[in-house]
Amino acid sequence: MMKVKFNHFERVAGLFVMVAFVGLLAFALAVAIQRGFFEPKVRLQTTLQSADGVREGTLVAMQGLRIGQVDEVELVSADEVYVSFRIGRKYLDKVRSDSVVRAVRPFVIGEKTLEITIGSFAAPPVAEHAMLLSMPSADIMDILSGRAVGPYVEILGKMTENLKFVAEAFMDPKRSRSLVKMFDEMGPLVRNASALTGEAHTLLKAANKDQQLVKVIGNLVAITNELHKAMPEISKHSPEMLGHLSKIARNMAVLTDELQKTLPAMQKLAPEIPRASERAIEALDETVVTLKALQKSFLLRGNAREVREEEAIAKKVKEDGEKARVPASGEQPASGGENPK
């Protein structure tokens, strides 16, 4: 068997390569231990609204400390993504039922990290394969993403088209002059409106002197409330009253129409009414004078005296009858009245 002999340089080179290989293995082993590859793991799961920035191998952190990584990402529906991840078993006691999972971006750009909040000690701990709640979180990249900005850009495009249409419409000189004229006419309109407001304020202030308008409105409110309370009782006990009210309203409308028809005639006669009244009073005065003159004649004097006596007797009989119908207290009513002779 032939023996291979190495010279001094070859032995140094081989020793260097062996030391480098062993150092590389030690470094890899240290990195694996540091990253927790040999630590026992537990599997948890959650659901996110979007898997943007989350993939298999995404880091899982707690208070900035790496505790695991994502193993599986699966699309469930349009707004639900299933995520399964593993964390170190020694961190499981920090995860409680009130812990929340958020997909956050540690820096402005880059991949996201699943951040798990530390639960309160009062909440019960979770078991392996537990489903944790998730909370949505937005960063500047999510806000500036095409999916979020796209609808706003579309709306902005439609708005630009509308502004273009308005600009083309105002390029017409007639419309521009009409717009300028409208602004010129707005000055007097505003002044008139201001004057009208001042007059209305003065009128309302005068009407509301000593809180009269407020009292009137308060009384109207009270009357309305009372009527509102009374109407059910009225309709319950006197249902025909509503019909009578409607008839009265119709009759009042007819009467108003008839009065409207007679108003022109009354207006024509109005100037003659004072003179006719004076003539009627003069005629009554003349009639009284004539009757008194006739009574002084020989033929009518006796007849007038007899008529006065008969009227006096009839008046006395009437008074005696009323006294007999209303006797004094403790007295019996009279059996009959005496006929005057």
Protein backbone atom coordinates (compact mmCIF):
# COMPACT_ATOMS: atom_id res chain seq x y z
CA MET A 1 0.00 0.00 0.00
CA MET A 2 1.37 3.33 -1.06
CA LYS A 3 1.56 5.98 1.58
CA VAL A 4 0.81 9.57 0.65
CA LYS A 5 3.17 11.99 2.18
CA PHE A 6 2.27 15.66 2.62
CA ASN A 7 4.85 18.30 2.84
CA HIS A 8 4.82 21.07 5.40
CA PHE A 9 2.73 23.53 3.33
CA GLU A 10 0.10 20.96 2.47
CA ARG A 11 -0.29 20.04 6.11
CA VAL A 12 -0.73 23.70 7.10
CA ALA A 13 -3.29 24.21 4.34
CA GLY A 14 -5.25 21.10 5.33
CA LEU A 15 -5.24 22.11 8.98
CA PHE A 16 -6.50 25.60 8.00
CA VAL A 17 -9.33 24.10 5.91
CA MET A 18 -10.33 21.77 8.74
CA VAL A 19 -10.35 24.58 11.28
CA ALA A 20 -12.41 26.78 8.93
CA PHE A 21 -14.91 23.95 8.34
CA VAL A 22 -15.26 23.28 12.05
CA GLY A 23 -15.66 27.01 12.73
CA LEU A 24 -18.32 27.25 10.04
CA LEU A 25 -20.22 24.34 11.57
CA ALA A 26 -19.95 25.91 15.01
CA PHE A 27 -21.17 29.23 13.68
CA ALA A 28 -24.11 27.61 11.92
CA LEU A 29 -24.94 25.66 15.05
CA ALA A 30 -24.78 28.84 17.15
CA VAL A 31 -27.03 30.69 14.71
CA ALA A 32 -29.49 27.81 14.74
CA ILE A 33 -29.50 27.74 18.52
CA GLN A 34 -29.88 31.53 18.63
CA ARG A 35 -32.80 31.41 16.23
CA GLY A 36 -34.40 28.69 18.27
CA PHE A 37 -34.31 25.94 15.67
CA PHE A 38 -33.71 23.31 18.32
CA GLU A 39 -36.21 24.68 20.85
CA PRO A 40 -39.57 22.89 21.26
CA LYS A 41 -42.33 24.61 19.30
CA VAL A 42 -46.11 24.94 19.66
CA ARG A 43 -48.48 25.67 16.79
CA LEU A 44 -51.04 28.48 16.89
CA GLN A 45 -53.34 29.94 14.23
CA THR A 46 -55.23 33.07 13.33
CA THR A 47 -57.08 34.73 10.43
CA LEU A 48 -56.20 38.01 8.72
CA GLN A 49 -58.18 40.24 6.39
CA SER A 50 -55.29 40.37 3.91
CA ALA A 51 -52.07 38.40 3.40
CA ASP A 52 -50.21 41.43 2.06
CA GLY A 53 -46.62 41.16 3.32
CA VAL A 54 -47.24 37.80 5.04
CA ARG A 55 -45.86 34.54 3.63
CA GLU A 56 -44.35 31.25 4.75
CA GLY A 57 -41.29 32.05 6.85
CA THR A 58 -42.57 35.43 8.06
CA LEU A 59 -41.24 36.19 11.52
CA VAL A 60 -43.47 36.02 14.58
CA ALA A 61 -42.48 38.48 17.31
CA MET A 62 -43.58 39.52 20.77
CA GLN A 63 -42.58 42.96 22.02
CA GLY A 64 -39.94 43.09 19.25
CA LEU A 65 -38.44 39.68 20.22
CA ARG A 66 -38.48 36.93 17.63
CA ILE A 67 -40.36 33.92 18.98
CA GLY A 68 -41.30 31.94 15.87
CA GLN A 69 -42.26 31.97 12.21
CA VAL A 70 -45.20 31.41 9.87
CA ASP A 71 -45.62 27.89 8.50
CA GLU A 72 -48.73 28.12 6.32
CA VAL A 73 -50.77 30.83 4.60
CA GLU A 74 -54.07 29.84 2.97
CA LEU A 75 -56.75 31.96 1.29
CA VAL A 76 -60.21 31.26 2.70
CA SER A 77 -62.42 34.01 1.22
CA ALA A 78 -62.27 37.52 -0.16
CA ASP A 79 -61.72 39.03 3.32
CA GLU A 80 -60.24 36.12 5.26
CA VAL A 81 -56.77 34.54 5.13
CA TYR A 82 -55.85 31.58 7.34
CA VAL A 83 -52.37 31.77 8.90
CA SER A 84 -50.67 28.98 10.89
CA PHE A 85 -47.46 29.73 12.81
CA ARG A 86 -45.16 28.24 15.41
CA ILE A 87 -43.69 29.88 18.50
CA GLY A 88 -41.29 28.69 21.19
CA ARG A 89 -42.95 26.71 23.96
CA LYS A 90 -41.33 28.90 26.60
CA TYR A 91 -43.33 31.89 25.29
CA LEU A 92 -46.67 30.07 25.41
CA ASP A 93 -47.42 31.22 28.97
CA LYS A 94 -47.27 34.85 27.73
CA VAL A 95 -50.03 34.17 25.20
CA ARG A 96 -53.47 34.44 26.77
CA SER A 97 -57.03 34.38 25.51
CA ASP A 98 -57.02 38.19 25.22
CA SER A 99 -53.81 38.27 23.15
CA VAL A 100 -54.16 39.84 19.71
CA VAL A 101 -52.25 39.20 16.48
CA ARG A 102 -51.36 42.12 14.20
CA ALA A 103 -49.52 42.12 10.89
CA VAL A 104 -47.16 45.08 11.24
CA ARG A 105 -44.25 46.37 9.19
CA PRO A 106 -41.18 47.00 11.38
CA PHE A 107 -39.90 49.61 8.94
CA VAL A 108 -41.48 51.78 6.27
CA ILE A 109 -40.62 49.21 3.62
CA GLY A 110 -39.97 45.50 3.82
CA GLU A 111 -41.86 42.40 4.84
CA LYS A 112 -44.35 42.37 7.64
CA THR A 113 -44.08 40.62 10.98
CA LEU A 114 -46.81 38.93 12.99
CA GLU A 115 -46.80 40.75 16.32
CA ILE A 116 -48.48 38.97 19.27
CA THR A 117 -49.44 41.07 22.27
CA ILE A 118 -48.78 39.79 25.77
CA GLY A 119 -52.02 38.80 27.45
CA SER A 120 -53.07 39.75 30.95
CA PHE A 121 -52.46 37.31 33.77
CA ALA A 122 -56.16 37.39 34.66
CA ALA A 123 -57.07 35.86 31.27
CA PRO A 124 -56.83 32.07 30.90
CA PRO A 125 -53.85 30.69 28.96
CA VAL A 126 -54.25 29.20 25.49
CA ALA A 127 -53.49 25.65 24.43
CA GLU A 128 -51.67 24.42 21.36
CA HIS A 129 -53.52 24.91 18.02
CA ALA A 130 -55.60 27.70 19.60
CA MET A 131 -57.19 30.32 17.34
CA LEU A 132 -56.09 33.82 18.29
CA LEU A 133 -57.98 37.00 17.47
CA SER A 134 -56.49 39.40 14.95
CA MET A 135 -56.73 43.17 14.65
CA PRO A 136 -56.24 45.06 11.39
CA SER A 137 -53.38 47.52 11.24
CA ALA A 138 -52.52 49.98 8.49
CA ASP A 139 -49.20 51.62 7.69
CA ILE A 140 -48.09 54.10 5.09
CA MET A 141 -47.38 51.37 2.53
CA ASP A 142 -50.90 49.97 2.93
CA ILE A 143 -52.35 53.44 2.51
CA LEU A 144 -50.27 54.11 -0.61
CA SER A 145 -50.85 50.67 -2.11
CA GLY A 146 -52.65 50.41 -5.43
CA ARG A 147 -55.52 48.48 -3.89
CA ALA A 148 -56.31 51.33 -1.46
CA VAL A 149 -55.48 54.25 -3.76
CA GLY A 150 -57.08 52.75 -6.87
CA PRO A 151 -60.73 53.63 -6.03
CA TYR A 152 -59.73 57.19 -5.07
CA VAL A 153 -57.79 57.59 -8.32
CA GLU A 154 -60.86 56.41 -10.23
CA ILE A 155 -63.05 58.93 -8.39
CA LEU A 156 -60.45 61.64 -9.07
CA GLY A 157 -60.53 60.76 -12.77
CA LYS A 158 -64.32 61.10 -12.89
CA MET A 159 -64.06 64.40 -11.03
CA THR A 160 -61.52 65.62 -13.56
CA GLU A 161 -63.89 64.74 -16.40
CA ASN A 162 -66.68 66.70 -14.71
CA LEU A 163 -64.38 69.69 -14.19
CA LYS A 164 -63.43 69.48 -17.84
CA PHE A 165 -67.10 69.55 -18.83
CA VAL A 166 -67.71 72.60 -16.59
CA ALA A 167 -64.66 74.37 -18.00
CA GLU A 168 -65.80 73.72 -21.58
CA ALA A 169 -69.28 75.02 -20.66
CA PHE A 170 -67.86 78.28 -19.28
CA MET A 171 -65.72 78.78 -22.37
CA ASP A 172 -68.90 80.06 -24.02
CA PRO A 173 -68.82 83.91 -23.75
CA LYS A 174 -72.59 84.10 -23.23
CA ARG A 175 -72.47 81.83 -20.22
CA SER A 176 -69.48 83.70 -18.81
CA ARG A 177 -71.31 87.02 -19.14
CA SER A 178 -74.42 85.47 -17.57
CA LEU A 179 -72.33 84.27 -14.64
CA VAL A 180 -70.79 87.71 -14.19
CA LYS A 181 -74.23 89.31 -14.38
CA MET A 182 -75.54 86.89 -11.77
CA PHE A 183 -72.74 87.87 -9.38
CA ASP A 184 -73.45 91.55 -10.07
CA GLU A 185 -77.12 91.07 -9.20
CA MET A 186 -76.31 89.22 -6.01
CA GLY A 187 -75.20 92.47 -4.33
CA PRO A 188 -78.66 94.15 -4.40
CA LEU A 189 -80.26 90.83 -3.54
CA VAL A 190 -78.11 90.49 -0.44
CA ARG A 191 -78.81 94.11 0.56
CA ASN A 192 -82.56 93.60 0.13
CA ALA A 193 -82.39 90.39 2.12
CA SER A 194 -80.49 92.22 4.86
CA ALA A 195 -83.08 95.01 4.90
CA LEU A 196 -85.90 92.46 4.97
CA THR A 197 -84.23 90.69 7.87
CA GLY A 198 -83.96 93.98 9.75
CA GLU A 199 -87.62 94.80 9.14
CA ALA A 200 -88.66 91.31 10.19
CA HIS A 201 -86.58 91.67 13.35
CA THR A 202 -88.25 95.00 14.15
CA LEU A 203 -91.71 93.57 13.48
CA LEU A 204 -91.10 90.48 15.58
CA LYS A 205 -89.61 92.58 18.36
CA ALA A 206 -92.70 94.80 18.42
CA ALA A 207 -95.01 91.77 18.26
CA ASN A 208 -93.09 90.09 21.07
CA LYS A 209 -93.17 93.10 23.36
CA ASP A 210 -93.41 91.97 26.98
CA GLN A 211 -93.18 88.38 25.73
CA GLN A 212 -96.67 88.61 24.21
CA LEU A 213 -95.87 86.51 21.17
CA VAL A 214 -94.25 83.88 23.34
CA LYS A 215 -97.33 83.80 25.57
CA VAL A 216 -99.65 83.53 22.55
CA ILE A 217 -97.64 80.66 21.14
CA GLY A 218 -97.56 78.99 24.55
CA ASN A 219 -101.35 79.36 24.85
CA LEU A 220 -101.82 77.93 21.36
CA VAL A 221 -99.64 74.98 22.30
CA ALA A 222 -101.68 74.42 25.46
CA ILE A 223 -104.97 74.66 23.53
CA THR A 224 -103.66 72.26 20.90
CA ASN A 225 -102.61 69.77 23.55
CA GLU A 226 -105.98 69.98 25.28
CA LEU A 227 -107.80 69.51 21.97
CA HIS A 228 -105.56 66.57 21.18
CA LYS A 229 -106.52 65.02 24.52
CA ALA A 230 -110.22 65.82 24.11
CA MET A 231 -110.71 64.67 20.51
CA PRO A 232 -110.63 60.91 21.33
CA GLU A 233 -113.25 61.40 24.05
CA ILE A 234 -115.40 63.52 21.75
CA SER A 235 -115.20 60.97 18.94
CA LYS A 236 -115.94 58.18 21.46
CA HIS A 237 -118.96 59.70 23.24
CA SER A 238 -120.31 61.98 20.49
CA PRO A 239 -119.33 60.49 17.13
CA GLU A 240 -122.09 62.46 15.40
CA MET A 241 -120.50 65.75 16.54
CA LEU A 242 -117.76 65.39 13.94
CA GLY A 243 -120.41 65.09 11.27
CA HIS A 244 -122.16 68.18 12.61
CA LEU A 245 -118.87 70.05 12.59
CA SER A 246 -118.33 69.14 8.96
CA LYS A 247 -121.86 70.30 8.12
CA ILE A 248 -121.28 73.56 10.00
CA ALA A 249 -118.06 74.07 8.08
CA ARG A 250 -119.84 73.48 4.78
CA ASN A 251 -122.67 75.83 5.74
CA MET A 252 -120.17 78.47 6.78
CA ALA A 253 -118.46 78.09 3.42
CA VAL A 254 -121.81 78.47 1.60
CA LEU A 255 -122.70 81.49 3.77
CA THR A 256 -119.33 83.04 3.04
CA ASP A 257 -119.87 82.56 -0.69
CA GLU A 258 -123.33 84.16 -0.49
CA LEU A 259 -121.95 87.08 1.50
CA GLN A 260 -119.27 87.51 -1.12
CA LYS A 261 -122.03 87.76 -3.73
CA THR A 262 -123.94 90.41 -1.74
CA LEU A 263 -120.88 92.49 -0.92
CA PRO A 264 -120.93 94.42 -4.25
CA ALA A 265 -124.59 95.41 -3.69
CA MET A 266 -123.85 96.40 -0.10
CA GLN A 267 -120.93 98.47 -1.27
CA LYS A 268 -123.22 100.28 -3.75
CA LEU A 269 -125.80 100.97 -1.02
CA ALA A 270 -123.26 101.95 1.61
CA PRO A 271 -123.09 105.66 0.61
CA GLU A 272 -126.94 105.92 0.76
CA ILE A 273 -127.33 104.19 4.15
CA PRO A 274 -126.54 107.28 6.34
CA ARG A 275 -128.93 109.53 4.37
CA ALA A 276 -131.69 106.85 4.39
CA SER A 277 -131.28 106.43 8.16
CA GLU A 278 -131.68 110.16 8.70
CA ARG A 279 -134.80 110.22 6.47
CA ALA A 280 -136.28 107.26 8.39
CA ILE A 281 -135.71 109.02 11.75
CA GLU A 282 -137.33 112.19 10.40
CA ALA A 283 -140.30 110.13 9.18
CA LEU A 284 -140.72 108.55 12.63
CA ASP A 285 -140.62 111.97 14.27
CA GLU A 286 -143.30 113.26 11.90
CA THR A 287 -145.42 110.15 12.55
CA VAL A 288 -145.22 110.67 16.33
CA VAL A 289 -146.21 114.34 15.93
CA THR A 290 -149.15 113.37 13.72
CA LEU A 291 -150.37 110.68 16.15
CA LYS A 292 -150.16 113.08 19.07
CA ALA A 293 -152.13 115.68 17.12
CA LEU A 294 -154.81 113.09 16.25
CA GLN A 295 -155.09 112.05 19.91
CA LYS A 296 -155.97 115.65 20.85
CA SER A 297 -158.98 115.55 18.59
CA PHE A 298 -162.43 115.06 20.15
CA LEU A 299 -163.11 111.73 18.53
CA LEU A 300 -159.85 109.97 19.46
CA ARG A 301 -159.29 111.45 22.93
CA GLY A 302 -161.73 109.14 24.74
CA ASN A 303 -160.67 106.07 22.82
CA ALA A 304 -156.98 106.70 23.68
CA ARG A 305 -157.90 107.02 27.39
CA GLU A 306 -159.78 103.70 27.32
CA VAL A 307 -156.87 101.93 25.62
CA ARG A 308 -154.44 103.18 28.29
CA GLU A 309 -156.74 101.95 31.09
CA GLU A 310 -157.09 98.49 29.49
CA GLU A 311 -153.32 98.21 29.11
CA ALA A 312 -152.78 99.20 32.79
CA ILE A 313 -155.36 96.55 33.94
CA ALA A 314 -153.71 93.84 31.78
CA LYS A 315 -150.27 94.74 33.16
CA LYS A 316 -151.56 94.49 36.75
CA VAL A 317 -153.18 91.09 36.09
CA LYS A 318 -149.92 89.80 34.67
CA GLU A 319 -147.91 90.99 37.70
CA ASP A 320 -150.44 89.40 40.15
CA GLY A 321 -150.24 86.09 38.24
CA GLU A 322 -146.45 86.04 38.45
CA LYS A 323 -146.57 86.74 42.20
CA ALA A 324 -149.09 83.90 42.66
CA ARG A 325 -146.81 81.42 40.77
CA VAL A 326 -143.78 82.36 42.92
CA PRO A 327 -145.04 82.35 46.61
CA ALA A 328 -142.89 83.41 49.53
CA SER A 329 -141.19 80.79 51.73
CA GLY A 330 -143.61 79.07 54.20
CA GLU A 331 -146.74 80.36 52.39
CA GLN A 332 -149.17 78.37 50.26
CA PRO A 333 -149.79 79.63 46.77
CA ALA A 334 -153.10 81.39 46.21
CA SER A 335 -155.94 79.28 44.80
CA GLY A 336 -156.77 81.85 42.19
CA GLY A 337 -156.39 85.49 41.28
CA GLU A 338 -159.08 88.10 41.43
CA ASN A 339 -160.29 89.43 38.15
CA PRO A 340 -160.13 93.18 38.07
CA LYS A 341 -163.31 94.96 37.09
